[in-house]
């Protein structure tokens, strides 16, 4: 009977996953409103099994399911089949939750790893729990000790021991990747049974930028997928996934441009980011390969029109999505670079290219048409540069005390570009000093692209603020890697012909020639945003941003 079931499942999958077909999203809609941090495995019976993080499954439900499990024959139609656990592991604190499962077949049994958010070691001391079962639906039995015990941070507290992902090499060695923003992502070798780490760990991705690791081997390379930015900011969640690769499971992992993932100005080739349709917060992925060799990207996202369970606020509603993963020139991307599908025409993956120049300001003096919101008298313009001492101010939340230098953009499709130099150094903590370009419709409605210091990292953040349910929502997505001191930034604009929204896609370059295109933020129809420059986030230590030009071009 098992052989018959597996054969039937294979036929159904072949019919459902024809060439170029996409799985309807959200894939979890038939059994859950939210199914975050998903991973899918194929069982010995030929069925697919999905596992999600601990949450209620439906709006209004008051029960948190400890690692819910769903089953499918075709990756399209899913049925909830129970929870992996009714209890916590023996070392867990009573208030612990179980997050971000990873499930693998090791030997003749299944092994499940999960974040245990609180342990009896100390408050905030998380660990990676491990359990075993004869089949994906269980019964699951906790091992008496965690696979990765709590880890003390050198400066105090406990590193975030989150988000496990297991890997077995062709030689049979087993590794576990784990970690998050506080501490970074690490890899350790596992014992042969997969139940405990052993030896010395290796950090493969820097702290304060990456979490949610998932590693696969393809054509001699190990690919490290990792999520960045905020997972859970409701309608402005900028979660996105980037990737680096290495010949060794221990790294170093580098992106398409050769930038390492474990340094202050960490790289990362985009795999998926918000693309302007209904989905934001596209992150924390797994990967499943069907019986015909097609890879499918498994992740969660947030519907920006319905971002919470039990609106207007509450748990972020993060259903499971599944989209085709394509490999182009040795690098993975979702839907050939169009990213998340939403049941209608997927946004174009065409890369914005500047055409005929429309306007250029080279900052020998300010041309007519500029205006200020809160003019900063410290700004000077001469000799081809606008020099702006970074202000101890901000635009997010209720602060609204930073200066913004603005002008009205052209109509239609255009690309705005600037070149900004801001010497933020490397590795040292400089929190949120930044400079860049902004699409501004008001102090509480904007999309800001800036090179920014976030703790010890230097990143390019594309952030959005908007009113939501009588409050303000702010979140960012990571758009690319900044230069050592100088970074080129672009905003590619067009108006959605269906809903009239202004869509802005972020572009980043370290040399002004080679560009990485990141995610999209939208501003409402009729909001008439202007385009401008900003330099704020912290006055100490003193640093000055220098802008060489602002250019508008058709595209």
Protein backbone atom coordinates (compact mmCIF):
# COMPACT_ATOMS: atom_id res chain seq x y z
CA UNK A 1 0.00 0.00 0.00
CA UNK A 2 2.89 2.35 0.77
CA UNK A 3 4.35 1.85 -2.72
CA UNK A 4 0.96 2.57 -4.29
CA UNK A 5 0.54 5.74 -2.20
CA UNK A 6 3.99 7.02 -3.15
CA UNK A 7 3.41 6.30 -6.84
CA UNK A 8 0.05 8.08 -6.76
CA UNK A 9 1.65 11.07 -5.02
CA UNK A 10 4.34 11.22 -7.70
CA UNK A 11 1.73 11.27 -10.49
CA UNK A 12 -0.22 14.02 -8.75
CA UNK A 13 2.95 16.05 -8.30
CA UNK A 14 3.88 15.65 -11.98
CA UNK A 15 0.48 16.95 -13.06
CA UNK A 16 0.51 19.84 -10.58
CA UNK A 17 4.08 21.01 -11.02
CA UNK A 18 4.29 21.30 -14.78
CA UNK A 19 7.07 23.31 -16.34
CA UNK A 20 6.79 26.95 -15.33
CA UNK A 21 3.82 26.35 -13.01
CA UNK A 22 3.68 28.10 -9.65
CA UNK A 23 2.15 26.86 -6.44
CA UNK A 24 -0.77 29.13 -5.49
CA UNK A 25 0.01 31.31 -2.49
CA UNK A 26 -0.38 31.24 0.37
CA UNK A 27 0.20 27.50 0.37
CA UNK A 28 -0.90 27.25 4.00
CA UNK A 29 -4.30 28.92 3.46
CA UNK A 30 -6.23 25.65 3.54
CA UNK A 31 -5.19 24.91 7.14
CA UNK A 32 -3.61 28.03 8.65
CA UNK A 33 -3.63 31.82 8.55
CA UNK A 34 -0.06 31.83 9.79
CA UNK A 35 2.69 29.21 9.41
CA UNK A 36 5.97 30.99 9.97
CA UNK A 37 9.58 29.82 9.52
CA UNK A 38 8.44 26.88 7.36
CA UNK A 39 10.43 23.86 6.28
CA UNK A 40 9.26 20.98 4.08
CA UNK A 41 10.58 17.42 3.79
CA UNK A 42 9.50 14.48 1.68
CA UNK A 43 8.56 11.45 3.73
CA UNK A 44 9.24 7.81 3.00
CA UNK A 45 5.58 7.51 1.98
CA UNK A 46 6.04 9.99 -0.90
CA UNK A 47 4.07 12.78 0.79
CA UNK A 48 5.44 16.22 1.64
CA UNK A 49 5.41 17.35 5.28
CA UNK A 50 5.57 20.98 6.34
CA UNK A 51 6.61 22.18 9.81
CA UNK A 52 6.09 25.69 11.18
CA UNK A 53 6.97 27.81 14.18
CA UNK A 54 4.83 27.84 17.34
CA UNK A 55 1.79 30.11 16.91
CA UNK A 56 -2.00 29.92 16.75
CA UNK A 57 -2.95 28.68 13.30
CA UNK A 58 -6.08 30.76 12.79
CA UNK A 59 -7.44 34.20 13.59
CA UNK A 60 -9.20 34.13 16.95
CA UNK A 61 -7.54 30.90 18.05
CA UNK A 62 -6.10 31.09 21.55
CA UNK A 63 -3.96 27.94 21.40
CA UNK A 64 -0.31 28.09 20.34
CA UNK A 65 0.57 24.93 18.40
CA UNK A 66 4.00 23.58 19.31
CA UNK A 67 5.47 23.02 15.85
CA UNK A 68 2.36 22.39 13.73
CA UNK A 69 2.65 19.80 10.94
CA UNK A 70 0.85 19.72 7.57
CA UNK A 71 0.87 17.12 4.77
CA UNK A 72 0.52 17.40 0.99
CA UNK A 73 0.76 15.11 -2.04
CA UNK A 74 1.52 17.90 -4.49
CA UNK A 75 2.89 20.99 -2.65
CA UNK A 76 -0.41 22.71 -3.46
CA UNK A 77 -3.08 21.19 -1.25
CA UNK A 78 -2.24 20.88 2.42
CA UNK A 79 -3.92 19.34 5.46
CA UNK A 80 -3.06 19.98 9.09
CA UNK A 81 -2.15 16.65 10.71
CA UNK A 82 -1.27 17.65 14.28
CA UNK A 83 1.48 19.17 16.37
CA UNK A 84 4.93 17.72 16.86
CA UNK A 85 4.91 18.32 20.61
CA UNK A 86 2.55 18.53 23.53
CA UNK A 87 5.40 19.08 25.96
CA UNK A 88 8.64 21.02 26.21
CA UNK A 89 12.11 19.45 26.54
CA UNK A 90 13.29 18.86 30.12
CA UNK A 91 15.74 21.80 30.11
CA UNK A 92 13.16 24.33 28.84
CA UNK A 93 11.75 27.04 31.09
CA UNK A 94 8.00 26.99 31.59
CA UNK A 95 7.57 30.13 29.43
CA UNK A 96 9.63 28.77 26.51
CA UNK A 97 8.39 28.70 22.96
CA UNK A 98 9.55 26.49 20.07
CA UNK A 99 10.57 28.33 16.91
CA UNK A 100 11.98 27.70 13.45
CA UNK A 101 12.07 23.90 13.11
CA UNK A 102 14.36 21.99 10.79
CA UNK A 103 13.66 18.32 10.01
CA UNK A 104 15.97 15.75 8.38
CA UNK A 105 16.25 11.99 7.90
CA UNK A 106 19.40 10.73 9.63
CA UNK A 107 19.94 7.00 9.43
CA UNK A 108 16.66 5.18 9.90
CA UNK A 109 14.92 7.89 11.90
CA UNK A 110 13.77 11.49 11.56
CA UNK A 111 15.45 14.25 13.54
CA UNK A 112 13.83 17.59 14.37
CA UNK A 113 15.77 20.63 15.58
CA UNK A 114 13.99 23.65 17.05
CA UNK A 115 14.80 26.88 18.85
CA UNK A 116 13.97 26.66 22.57
CA UNK A 117 13.57 30.33 23.42
CA UNK A 118 14.07 30.04 27.20
CA UNK A 119 15.93 27.46 29.23
CA UNK A 120 16.41 26.82 32.94
CA UNK A 121 20.03 27.99 32.59
CA UNK A 122 19.10 31.68 32.92
CA UNK A 123 16.65 34.24 31.61
CA UNK A 124 17.28 34.82 27.91
CA UNK A 125 19.43 31.69 27.53
CA UNK A 126 18.11 30.02 24.39
CA UNK A 127 19.17 26.67 22.96
CA UNK A 128 18.64 24.32 20.01
CA UNK A 129 16.49 21.41 21.07
CA UNK A 130 16.51 18.08 19.24
CA UNK A 131 13.97 15.26 19.01
CA UNK A 132 13.62 12.01 17.07
CA UNK A 133 10.72 10.09 15.52
CA UNK A 134 10.10 7.05 13.28
CA UNK A 135 8.20 9.20 10.74
CA UNK A 136 7.58 12.92 10.12
CA UNK A 137 4.27 12.91 11.99
CA UNK A 138 5.93 11.42 15.06
CA UNK A 139 5.67 10.50 17.77
CA UNK A 140 8.51 12.93 18.54
CA UNK A 141 10.69 12.26 21.58
CA UNK A 142 12.95 14.94 23.01
CA UNK A 143 16.58 14.11 23.60
CA UNK A 144 17.47 14.81 27.25
CA UNK A 145 20.07 17.45 26.29
CA UNK A 146 19.97 20.22 23.65
CA UNK A 147 21.88 19.84 20.40
CA UNK A 148 23.33 23.31 21.06
CA UNK A 149 23.32 24.46 24.70
CA UNK A 150 22.95 28.14 25.72
CA UNK A 151 26.00 30.25 24.87
CA UNK A 152 27.22 33.14 27.01
CA UNK A 153 28.04 36.31 25.08
CA UNK A 154 31.53 37.68 25.80
CA UNK A 155 30.15 41.08 26.83
CA UNK A 156 27.35 39.70 28.97
CA UNK A 157 24.00 38.09 28.34
CA UNK A 158 23.35 35.11 26.10
CA UNK A 159 23.83 34.86 22.37
CA UNK A 160 20.66 34.11 20.44
CA UNK A 161 20.86 30.39 19.77
CA UNK A 162 18.07 30.34 17.18
CA UNK A 163 17.15 29.01 13.75
CA UNK A 164 18.80 25.59 13.28
CA UNK A 165 19.58 24.13 9.85
CA UNK A 166 21.23 20.74 9.37
CA UNK A 167 23.51 19.68 6.51
CA UNK A 168 25.05 16.33 5.56
CA UNK A 169 27.98 16.45 3.12
CA UNK A 170 28.61 13.85 0.39
CA UNK A 171 31.30 12.39 2.68
CA UNK A 172 28.69 11.85 5.38
CA UNK A 173 29.83 14.60 7.76
CA UNK A 174 26.98 16.31 9.55
CA UNK A 175 26.83 20.00 10.44
CA UNK A 176 24.38 22.29 12.20
CA UNK A 177 24.02 26.00 11.42
CA UNK A 178 22.45 28.20 14.10
CA UNK A 179 22.37 31.75 15.46
CA UNK A 180 20.77 35.10 14.84
CA UNK A 181 21.33 38.85 15.08
CA UNK A 182 22.85 38.74 18.56
CA UNK A 183 25.93 36.63 17.95
CA UNK A 184 25.73 35.96 14.23
CA UNK A 185 25.34 32.62 12.41
CA UNK A 186 27.63 29.75 13.36
CA UNK A 187 28.26 26.22 12.17
CA UNK A 188 29.35 23.23 14.23
CA UNK A 189 30.02 19.63 13.31
CA UNK A 190 27.47 17.18 14.71
CA UNK A 191 27.97 13.76 16.21
CA UNK A 192 27.18 10.93 13.79
CA UNK A 193 23.66 10.53 15.20
CA UNK A 194 22.98 14.24 14.65
CA UNK A 195 22.03 14.87 18.29
CA UNK A 196 24.89 17.01 19.64
CA UNK A 197 27.39 19.50 18.28
CA UNK A 198 31.07 18.71 18.72
CA UNK A 199 34.36 20.52 18.24
CA UNK A 200 34.89 24.25 17.82
CA UNK A 201 32.20 26.36 16.12
CA UNK A 202 32.91 28.63 13.15
CA UNK A 203 31.09 31.91 12.57
CA UNK A 204 29.95 32.12 8.95
CA UNK A 205 27.79 35.28 8.96
CA UNK A 206 28.13 38.48 10.94
CA UNK A 207 25.92 39.47 13.84
CA UNK A 208 23.38 42.30 13.54
CA UNK A 209 22.56 41.44 9.93
CA UNK A 210 21.74 37.75 9.39
CA UNK A 211 19.55 34.99 10.83
CA UNK A 212 17.47 32.05 9.58
CA UNK A 213 20.27 30.06 7.92
CA UNK A 214 19.56 27.31 5.40
CA UNK A 215 22.38 25.56 3.51
CA UNK A 216 22.32 23.35 0.41
CA UNK A 217 25.04 21.87 -1.77
CA UNK A 218 24.86 22.32 -5.54
CA UNK A 219 27.50 21.77 -8.25
CA UNK A 220 30.35 21.67 -5.77
CA UNK A 221 29.34 24.78 -3.82
CA UNK A 222 27.65 25.15 -0.46
CA UNK A 223 25.04 27.91 -0.57
CA UNK A 224 24.19 29.73 2.65
CA UNK A 225 20.74 31.36 2.50
CA UNK A 226 20.12 33.87 5.31
CA UNK A 227 17.41 36.38 6.17
CA UNK A 228 18.01 40.02 7.02
CA UNK A 229 16.13 42.99 8.47
CA UNK A 230 13.01 42.79 10.63
CA UNK A 231 10.78 39.73 10.55
CA UNK A 232 7.79 41.23 12.26
CA UNK A 233 6.89 44.88 11.66
CA UNK A 234 3.41 44.29 10.28
CA UNK A 235 2.76 46.19 7.02
CA UNK A 236 6.34 47.53 6.81
CA UNK A 237 8.14 44.23 7.40
CA UNK A 238 11.24 44.25 5.19
CA UNK A 239 12.48 40.68 5.80
CA UNK A 240 14.38 39.39 2.77
CA UNK A 241 16.77 36.58 1.86
CA UNK A 242 20.25 36.78 0.40
CA UNK A 243 22.87 34.14 -0.29
CA UNK A 244 26.58 33.47 -0.36
CA UNK A 245 28.48 30.38 -1.42
CA UNK A 246 31.66 28.52 -0.52
CA UNK A 247 33.55 25.39 -1.50
CA UNK A 248 33.54 24.42 2.16
CA UNK A 249 30.58 24.03 4.55
CA UNK A 250 32.66 26.09 7.01
CA UNK A 251 32.96 29.06 4.65
CA UNK A 252 34.00 31.72 4.07
CA UNK A 253 30.79 32.40 2.15
CA UNK A 254 30.94 35.13 -0.49
CA UNK A 255 28.29 36.66 -2.72
CA UNK A 256 28.22 37.07 -6.51
CA UNK A 257 30.52 40.12 -6.21
CA UNK A 258 33.02 38.36 -3.95
CA UNK A 259 31.86 40.11 -0.77
CA UNK A 260 32.07 38.01 2.39
CA UNK A 261 29.09 37.47 4.69
CA UNK A 262 31.13 37.50 7.91
CA UNK A 263 32.56 41.03 7.82
CA UNK A 264 31.31 44.48 8.84
CA UNK A 265 30.29 45.45 5.29
CA UNK A 266 28.76 42.04 4.68
CA UNK A 267 27.65 41.04 1.21
CA UNK A 268 24.76 38.88 0.11
CA UNK A 269 23.25 38.26 -3.34
CA UNK A 270 19.48 38.90 -3.23
CA UNK A 271 17.27 35.82 -3.53
CA UNK A 272 13.95 37.44 -2.63
CA UNK A 273 12.73 40.75 -1.18
CA UNK A 274 9.41 42.63 -1.21
CA UNK A 275 8.55 43.36 -4.87
CA UNK A 276 5.63 45.79 -4.64
CA UNK A 277 2.75 43.32 -4.72
CA UNK A 278 0.72 42.25 -1.67
CA UNK A 279 3.59 40.44 0.02
CA UNK A 280 6.14 42.01 2.35
CA UNK A 281 8.43 40.31 4.86
CA UNK A 282 9.49 37.59 2.42
CA UNK A 283 11.95 35.53 4.44
CA UNK A 284 13.13 32.63 6.59
CA UNK A 285 13.31 30.02 3.87
CA UNK A 286 13.68 26.34 3.36
CA UNK A 287 14.09 24.49 0.05
CA UNK A 288 12.41 21.37 -1.31
CA UNK A 289 13.22 19.56 -4.55
CA UNK A 290 10.33 17.68 -6.14
CA UNK A 291 10.58 14.26 -7.78
CA UNK A 292 11.43 15.83 -11.13
CA UNK A 293 14.37 17.90 -9.94
CA UNK A 294 12.63 21.27 -9.67
CA UNK A 295 13.62 23.32 -6.63
CA UNK A 296 10.92 25.13 -4.69
CA UNK A 297 11.54 27.99 -2.31
CA UNK A 298 9.57 27.65 0.94
CA UNK A 299 9.22 30.81 3.03
CA UNK A 300 6.78 33.00 4.89
CA UNK A 301 5.53 36.49 4.08
CA UNK A 302 3.03 39.06 5.32
CA UNK A 303 0.03 40.38 3.41
CA UNK A 304 0.44 44.13 3.85
CA UNK A 305 -3.36 44.54 3.79
CA UNK A 306 -3.81 41.92 6.54
CA UNK A 307 -0.59 41.90 8.55
CA UNK A 308 -1.77 40.68 11.95
CA UNK A 309 -3.72 37.88 13.52
CA UNK A 310 -6.58 39.47 15.47
CA UNK A 311 -6.35 42.91 13.88
CA UNK A 312 -5.48 45.69 14.28
CA UNK A 313 -2.45 44.43 16.19
CA UNK A 314 -1.23 41.13 17.58
CA UNK A 315 0.90 38.30 16.24
CA UNK A 316 2.30 39.01 12.79
CA UNK A 317 0.35 36.85 10.33
CA UNK A 318 2.97 35.00 8.29
CA UNK A 319 1.51 32.33 5.99
CA UNK A 320 3.70 29.81 4.18
CA UNK A 321 4.42 30.58 0.54
CA UNK A 322 6.03 28.33 -2.07
CA UNK A 323 7.53 29.63 -5.30
CA UNK A 324 9.81 28.24 -7.98
CA UNK A 325 13.53 28.67 -7.29
CA UNK A 326 15.64 29.25 -10.39
CA UNK A 327 19.42 29.02 -10.70
CA UNK A 328 20.84 31.61 -13.09
CA UNK A 329 24.59 31.75 -13.68
CA UNK A 330 25.17 29.67 -10.58
CA UNK A 331 23.05 31.85 -8.29
CA UNK A 332 19.54 31.21 -6.92
CA UNK A 333 16.64 33.60 -7.34
CA UNK A 334 12.88 33.21 -6.88
CA UNK A 335 10.77 33.26 -10.07
CA UNK A 336 13.73 34.30 -12.23
CA UNK A 337 14.13 37.47 -10.17
CA UNK A 338 10.46 38.51 -10.11
CA UNK A 339 10.25 37.15 -6.53
CA UNK A 340 6.97 36.49 -4.69
CA UNK A 341 3.92 35.59 -6.78
CA UNK A 342 0.48 36.58 -5.56
CA UNK A 343 -2.06 34.90 -7.83
CA UNK A 344 -1.98 37.64 -10.46
CA UNK A 345 0.69 38.66 -12.92
CA UNK A 346 4.03 38.62 -11.12
CA UNK A 347 5.87 41.97 -11.27
CA UNK A 348 8.48 42.15 -13.98
CA UNK A 349 12.01 41.08 -13.14
CA UNK A 350 13.41 43.58 -15.64
CA UNK A 351 16.37 45.42 -14.14
CA UNK A 352 15.96 49.23 -14.23
CA UNK A 353 18.49 50.87 -16.54
CA UNK A 354 18.85 54.66 -16.75
CA UNK A 355 18.19 56.21 -20.13
CA UNK A 356 18.10 59.83 -21.20
CA UNK A 357 19.01 62.26 -18.37
CA UNK A 358 16.17 64.56 -17.31
CA UNK A 359 17.85 66.65 -14.62
CA UNK A 360 21.17 66.79 -12.81
CA UNK A 361 22.24 68.82 -9.80
CA UNK A 362 26.02 68.82 -9.43
CA UNK A 363 26.11 70.98 -6.29
CA UNK A 364 28.19 73.88 -7.48
CA UNK A 365 25.21 75.84 -6.20
CA UNK A 366 21.61 74.85 -5.62
CA UNK A 367 19.49 75.20 -8.76
CA UNK A 368 15.96 76.56 -8.41
CA UNK A 369 13.34 74.06 -7.27
CA UNK A 370 14.86 72.86 -4.01
CA UNK A 371 13.06 73.31 -0.68
CA UNK A 372 13.67 72.35 2.92
CA UNK A 373 11.77 70.62 5.64
CA UNK A 374 13.60 71.90 8.77
CA UNK A 375 16.56 73.57 7.07
CA UNK A 376 19.94 72.65 8.51
CA UNK A 377 22.20 75.73 8.53
CA UNK A 378 25.30 73.52 8.76
CA UNK A 379 24.81 72.34 5.14
CA UNK A 380 27.18 73.88 2.58
CA UNK A 381 27.08 73.66 -1.21
CA UNK A 382 30.14 74.44 -3.36
CA UNK A 383 32.79 72.91 -5.59
CA UNK A 384 30.57 70.06 -6.75
CA UNK A 385 29.60 68.80 -3.30
CA UNK A 386 26.80 69.22 -0.80
CA UNK A 387 28.36 68.69 2.63
CA UNK A 388 26.04 67.78 5.48
CA UNK A 389 27.25 67.09 9.04
CA UNK A 390 25.17 64.08 10.11
CA UNK A 391 22.47 65.34 12.46
CA UNK A 392 21.58 63.91 15.85
CA UNK A 393 17.99 63.58 14.66
CA UNK A 394 15.59 61.19 12.95
CA UNK A 395 12.33 60.84 11.02
CA UNK A 396 11.01 57.60 12.48
CA UNK A 397 8.33 57.44 15.13
CA UNK A 398 7.46 60.69 16.84
CA UNK A 399 10.94 62.23 16.51
CA UNK A 400 10.44 64.08 13.19
CA UNK A 401 13.30 66.49 13.82
CA UNK A 402 15.68 65.70 10.96
CA UNK A 403 16.16 68.00 8.01
CA UNK A 404 15.09 66.93 4.53
CA UNK A 405 16.23 68.68 1.34
CA UNK A 406 13.65 68.09 -1.41
CA UNK A 407 12.66 68.72 -4.98
CA UNK A 408 9.74 67.62 -7.16
CA UNK A 409 10.63 64.61 -9.35
CA UNK A 410 9.69 64.15 -13.02
CA UNK A 411 6.47 62.39 -13.96
CA UNK A 412 6.29 58.79 -15.18
CA UNK A 413 9.12 56.27 -14.96
CA UNK A 414 12.47 57.55 -13.82
CA UNK A 415 15.58 56.68 -11.83
CA UNK A 416 16.97 59.04 -9.21
CA UNK A 417 20.66 58.56 -8.41
CA UNK A 418 23.09 60.06 -5.95
CA UNK A 419 26.69 59.47 -4.91
CA UNK A 420 27.29 59.82 -1.18
CA UNK A 421 30.49 59.63 0.84
CA UNK A 422 30.15 59.12 4.58
CA UNK A 423 33.19 57.76 6.49
CA UNK A 424 31.53 55.49 9.04
CA UNK A 425 34.62 53.39 9.66
CA UNK A 426 34.37 49.67 10.22
CA UNK A 427 33.37 47.28 13.02
CA UNK A 428 33.01 49.90 15.75
CA UNK A 429 29.56 50.66 17.12
CA UNK A 430 27.90 53.69 15.49
CA UNK A 431 24.19 53.33 15.86
CA UNK A 432 22.06 54.53 12.96
CA UNK A 433 24.26 57.30 11.57
CA UNK A 434 23.21 57.41 7.93
CA UNK A 435 22.97 59.41 4.74
CA UNK A 436 21.07 58.83 1.53
CA UNK A 437 18.09 59.50 -0.68
CA UNK A 438 14.41 59.63 0.28
CA UNK A 439 10.97 59.50 -1.33
CA UNK A 440 9.10 61.82 1.03
CA UNK A 441 5.35 62.37 1.25
CA UNK A 442 5.50 63.55 4.86
CA UNK A 443 7.26 62.97 8.16
CA UNK A 444 5.17 59.84 8.71
CA UNK A 445 5.06 58.61 5.10
CA UNK A 446 8.35 58.02 3.36
CA UNK A 447 10.77 55.46 1.89
CA UNK A 448 14.42 56.14 2.78
CA UNK A 449 17.48 54.51 1.17
CA UNK A 450 20.66 55.13 3.11
CA UNK A 451 24.08 53.81 3.89
CA UNK A 452 23.88 53.25 7.64
CA UNK A 453 25.81 52.05 10.68
CA UNK A 454 23.87 49.40 12.62
CA UNK A 455 25.94 48.44 15.64
CA UNK A 456 29.19 46.97 14.28
CA UNK A 457 27.88 46.55 10.72
CA UNK A 458 27.69 48.91 7.78
CA UNK A 459 24.61 48.25 5.64
CA UNK A 460 22.38 49.85 3.03
CA UNK A 461 18.87 49.96 4.46
CA UNK A 462 15.73 50.76 2.50
CA UNK A 463 13.21 51.69 5.16
CA UNK A 464 9.56 52.71 5.06
CA UNK A 465 7.32 54.49 7.55
CA UNK A 466 3.55 54.75 7.24
CA UNK A 467 0.49 55.24 9.44
CA UNK A 468 -1.37 52.05 10.28
CA UNK A 469 -4.41 51.66 12.55
CA UNK A 470 -3.86 54.97 14.36
CA UNK A 471 -0.18 54.21 14.95
CA UNK A 472 3.07 54.39 12.99
CA UNK A 473 4.76 51.39 11.42
CA UNK A 474 8.42 51.43 10.38
CA UNK A 475 10.51 48.66 8.88
CA UNK A 476 13.45 48.23 6.57
CA UNK A 477 14.81 45.86 3.97
CA UNK A 478 18.51 45.41 3.21
CA UNK A 479 19.26 46.56 -0.32
CA UNK A 480 22.95 45.87 -0.87
CA UNK A 481 26.50 46.37 0.37
CA UNK A 482 27.94 49.86 0.94
CA UNK A 483 31.34 50.95 -0.29
CA UNK A 484 34.23 51.56 2.08
CA UNK A 485 33.36 55.27 2.28
CA UNK A 486 31.48 56.04 -0.96
CA UNK A 487 28.24 54.43 -2.11
CA UNK A 488 26.02 55.06 -5.14
CA UNK A 489 22.27 54.85 -4.52
CA UNK A 490 19.30 54.67 -6.90
CA UNK A 491 15.53 54.77 -6.58
CA UNK A 492 13.70 53.46 -9.65
CA UNK A 493 10.14 54.83 -9.73
CA UNK A 494 7.00 53.94 -11.59
CA UNK A 495 3.28 54.14 -10.94
CA UNK A 496 1.32 50.90 -10.71
CA UNK A 497 -1.22 51.08 -13.57
CA UNK A 498 -3.83 49.15 -11.55
CA UNK A 499 -3.87 50.83 -8.15
CA UNK A 500 -1.94 54.05 -8.82
CA UNK A 501 0.64 53.40 -6.10
CA UNK A 502 4.12 54.86 -6.39
CA UNK A 503 6.62 51.99 -6.47
CA UNK A 504 10.29 52.53 -5.62
CA UNK A 505 12.96 49.90 -6.11
CA UNK A 506 16.35 50.31 -4.43
CA UNK A 507 19.65 50.02 -6.27
CA UNK A 508 23.12 50.02 -4.68
CA UNK A 509 26.64 50.17 -6.10
CA UNK A 510 30.12 50.35 -4.62
CA UNK A 511 31.73 51.71 -7.79
CA UNK A 512 28.96 53.47 -9.73
CA UNK A 513 29.11 50.81 -12.47
CA UNK A 514 27.96 47.46 -11.05
CA UNK A 515 24.56 47.55 -9.38
CA UNK A 516 22.63 45.32 -7.00
CA UNK A 517 18.87 45.79 -7.08
CA UNK A 518 16.98 45.15 -3.87
CA UNK A 519 13.40 45.38 -2.69
CA UNK A 520 10.44 47.62 -3.45
CA UNK A 521 8.44 49.92 -1.19
CA UNK A 522 5.21 51.59 -2.22
CA UNK A 523 3.66 54.92 -1.30
CA UNK A 524 -0.08 55.53 -1.76
CA UNK A 525 -1.75 56.80 -4.90
CA UNK A 526 -2.29 60.54 -4.69
CA UNK A 527 0.44 61.07 -2.09
CA UNK A 528 2.71 63.09 -4.48
CA UNK A 529 6.07 62.20 -2.90
CA UNK A 530 9.06 64.42 -3.52
CA UNK A 531 12.66 63.19 -3.74
CA UNK A 532 15.39 64.44 -1.49
CA UNK A 533 18.50 63.91 0.57
CA UNK A 534 18.98 63.17 4.27
CA UNK A 535 21.89 62.85 6.73
CA UNK A 536 20.92 62.05 10.30
CA UNK A 537 20.71 59.40 13.00
CA UNK A 538 23.37 60.51 15.48
CA UNK A 539 25.73 63.46 15.96
CA UNK A 540 28.43 61.57 17.87
CA UNK A 541 31.06 60.75 16.85
CA UNK A 542 31.00 63.61 14.38
CA UNK A 543 30.92 62.67 10.70
CA UNK A 544 30.03 64.61 7.55
CA UNK A 545 28.19 63.21 4.54
CA UNK A 546 29.15 64.56 1.11
CA UNK A 547 26.82 64.28 -1.89
CA UNK A 548 28.32 64.70 -5.39
CA UNK A 549 25.09 64.99 -7.37
CA UNK A 550 21.42 64.13 -7.70
CA UNK A 551 20.44 62.91 -11.16
CA UNK A 552 17.08 61.93 -12.70
CA UNK A 553 16.99 59.75 -15.82
CA UNK A 554 14.24 58.07 -17.81
CA UNK A 555 14.01 54.28 -17.73
